[in-house]
Amino acid sequence: MSPAHSDDVTAPPSILGLDHVAFRLADMEGAAKWFERTLGLRDAFPGMWNGVPKMLLSETGTPDLGSGFALFPRDDAGSDSVFSHAAFRVRPEDMDAWRQWLHHQGVDFVEQDHDIAQSIYFEGPDGVRLELTAYQPDSRNKSND
């Protein structure tokens, strides 16, 4: 989905930082325990999305601060790569500007509503999968529902 073209787009909106790097792993639960034990990452949204992905962030429950990994189970039919995508955190109020910017750059994208966040997915050079994600202001409270 792409918005209407705008000629006044001269620079990309800001990126707040790296949100997560996503991996597809043979033993997602074992890997989660390793990252928790070794790096001190914590499940930021326990119970969300039926446990997939498992979001292990450096600051539990504070998506506006921490960064980390999103763990998915490995699909045997997929590629040999464990890398899935890299996600950058952006402000919710910048999502429209990002849509406009990507459209202006000729980048095709798809969007997904994750309940606690809105995401835009697209490909970079050599097919590198990228995501721009914006957490909703009340996302910290939803993980405990």
Protein backbone atom coordinates (compact mmCIF):
# COMPACT_ATOMS: atom_id res chain seq x y z
CA MET A 1 0.00 0.00 0.00
CA SER A 2 1.44 3.38 -0.94
CA PRO A 3 0.12 6.87 -0.25
CA ALA A 4 -0.26 9.61 -2.83
CA HIS A 5 2.96 11.12 -4.15
CA SER A 6 4.18 14.35 -2.58
CA ASP A 7 6.83 16.59 -4.14
CA ASP A 8 7.68 18.35 -0.86
CA VAL A 9 9.45 15.31 0.67
CA THR A 10 13.14 16.26 0.93
CA ALA A 11 14.54 14.11 3.77
CA PRO A 12 13.61 10.95 5.64
CA PRO A 13 11.83 11.31 8.98
CA SER A 14 13.86 10.52 12.08
CA ILE A 15 14.70 7.07 13.41
CA LEU A 16 14.79 6.75 17.20
CA GLY A 17 17.11 3.74 17.15
CA LEU A 18 17.33 0.03 16.60
CA ASP A 19 14.28 -1.76 17.98
CA HIS A 20 15.14 -5.37 17.27
CA VAL A 21 16.87 -7.86 15.03
CA ALA A 22 14.70 -10.86 14.23
CA PHE A 23 15.97 -14.43 14.01
CA ARG A 24 14.35 -17.73 13.00
CA LEU A 25 15.74 -20.42 15.29
CA ALA A 26 15.42 -24.20 15.58
CA ASP A 27 14.98 -23.96 19.38
CA MET A 28 13.29 -20.65 20.01
CA GLU A 29 12.65 -21.31 23.71
CA GLY A 30 16.21 -22.55 24.33
CA ALA A 31 17.59 -19.51 22.53
CA ALA A 32 15.35 -17.21 24.59
CA LYS A 33 16.71 -18.71 27.81
CA TRP A 34 20.29 -18.27 26.53
CA PHE A 35 19.73 -14.60 25.63
CA GLU A 36 18.03 -13.99 28.98
CA ARG A 37 20.81 -15.69 30.97
CA THR A 38 23.78 -14.45 28.93
CA LEU A 39 22.73 -10.92 27.91
CA GLY A 40 20.13 -10.12 30.54
CA LEU A 41 17.41 -9.54 27.94
CA ARG A 42 13.82 -10.00 29.16
CA ASP A 43 10.52 -10.93 27.53
CA ALA A 44 9.06 -7.45 27.10
CA PHE A 45 5.55 -8.62 26.14
CA PRO A 46 4.81 -11.96 27.83
CA GLY A 47 1.63 -13.53 26.51
CA MET A 48 1.38 -11.33 23.42
CA TRP A 49 0.88 -12.96 20.00
CA ASN A 50 0.63 -16.45 21.60
CA GLY A 51 4.35 -16.23 22.32
CA VAL A 52 5.47 -15.74 18.70
CA PRO A 53 7.52 -13.77 18.29
CA LYS A 54 9.16 -13.66 21.68
CA MET A 55 10.41 -10.10 22.10
CA LEU A 56 13.53 -10.01 24.23
CA LEU A 57 14.46 -6.42 24.99
CA SER A 58 17.09 -4.81 27.18
CA GLU A 59 14.43 -2.88 29.15
CA THR A 60 11.41 -5.02 30.04
CA GLY A 61 8.08 -3.31 29.49
CA THR A 62 9.59 -0.09 28.17
CA PRO A 63 9.49 -0.37 24.39
CA ASP A 64 10.42 3.29 24.07
CA LEU A 65 13.82 2.54 25.64
CA GLY A 66 15.12 -0.99 25.10
CA SER A 67 16.30 -2.88 22.05
CA GLY A 68 17.00 -6.55 21.47
CA PHE A 69 15.83 -9.59 19.54
CA ALA A 70 12.56 -10.94 18.15
CA LEU A 71 12.66 -14.73 18.09
CA PHE A 72 10.60 -16.82 15.68
CA PRO A 73 10.53 -20.60 15.26
CA ARG A 74 12.55 -21.78 12.29
CA ASP A 75 10.53 -22.86 9.26
CA ASP A 76 12.21 -25.92 7.75
CA ALA A 77 10.85 -24.95 4.33
CA GLY A 78 12.54 -21.54 4.47
CA SER A 79 16.04 -20.42 3.68
CA ASP A 80 19.16 -21.52 5.55
CA SER A 81 19.56 -18.04 7.03
CA VAL A 82 18.57 -17.46 10.65
CA PHE A 83 18.31 -13.70 9.99
CA SER A 84 14.76 -12.56 9.39
CA HIS A 85 14.80 -8.75 9.50
CA ALA A 86 16.05 -5.64 11.31
CA ALA A 87 13.59 -3.17 12.79
CA PHE A 88 14.07 0.49 13.54
CA ARG A 89 11.92 2.32 16.06
CA VAL A 90 10.12 5.46 14.90
CA ARG A 91 7.58 7.79 16.49
CA PRO A 92 3.89 6.96 15.90
CA GLU A 93 3.33 10.52 14.65
CA ASP A 94 6.01 9.98 11.97
CA MET A 95 4.41 6.94 10.33
CA ASP A 96 2.58 8.98 7.67
CA ALA A 97 5.80 10.84 6.86
CA TRP A 98 7.60 7.51 6.53
CA ARG A 99 4.92 6.20 4.13
CA GLN A 100 5.29 9.35 2.08
CA TRP A 101 9.10 9.15 2.12
CA LEU A 102 9.22 5.49 1.06
CA HIS A 103 6.71 6.17 -1.71
CA HIS A 104 8.81 9.15 -2.85
CA GLN A 105 11.87 6.84 -2.94
CA GLY A 106 9.99 4.25 -5.02
CA VAL A 107 10.12 1.66 -2.23
CA ASP A 108 7.23 -0.81 -2.08
CA PHE A 109 6.05 -1.62 1.41
CA VAL A 110 3.39 -3.46 3.36
CA GLU A 111 1.94 -2.58 6.72
CA GLN A 112 0.93 -4.66 9.70
CA ASP A 113 -0.97 -3.88 12.90
CA HIS A 114 0.64 -5.72 15.86
CA ASP A 115 -1.91 -4.42 18.39
CA ILE A 116 0.79 -2.70 20.48
CA ALA A 117 2.68 -1.35 17.45
CA GLN A 118 2.23 -0.42 13.81
CA SER A 119 4.89 -1.61 11.36
CA ILE A 120 5.97 -0.93 7.80
CA TYR A 121 7.96 -3.72 6.10
CA PHE A 122 10.10 -3.32 2.99
CA GLU A 123 13.27 -4.58 1.34
CA GLY A 124 16.61 -2.85 1.08
CA PRO A 125 19.62 -3.67 -1.11
CA ASP A 126 20.15 -7.37 -1.86
CA GLY A 127 16.71 -8.16 -0.44
CA VAL A 128 17.55 -7.26 3.17
CA ARG A 129 14.22 -7.20 5.01
CA LEU A 130 13.63 -4.05 7.07
CA GLU A 131 10.90 -2.81 9.38
CA LEU A 132 9.92 0.56 10.77
CA THR A 133 7.91 0.10 13.96
CA ALA A 134 6.04 2.58 16.14
CA TYR A 135 4.74 1.47 19.52
CA GLN A 136 1.40 2.80 20.69
CA PRO A 137 1.59 5.05 23.78
CA ASP A 138 -0.23 2.53 25.99
CA SER A 139 1.69 -0.56 24.79
CA ARG A 140 3.33 -1.21 28.16
CA ASN A 141 -0.06 -1.85 29.74
CA LYS A 142 -1.32 -4.21 27.02
CA SER A 143 1.37 -6.85 27.62
CA ASN A 144 -0.09 -7.53 31.06
CA ASP A 145 -3.72 -7.99 29.95
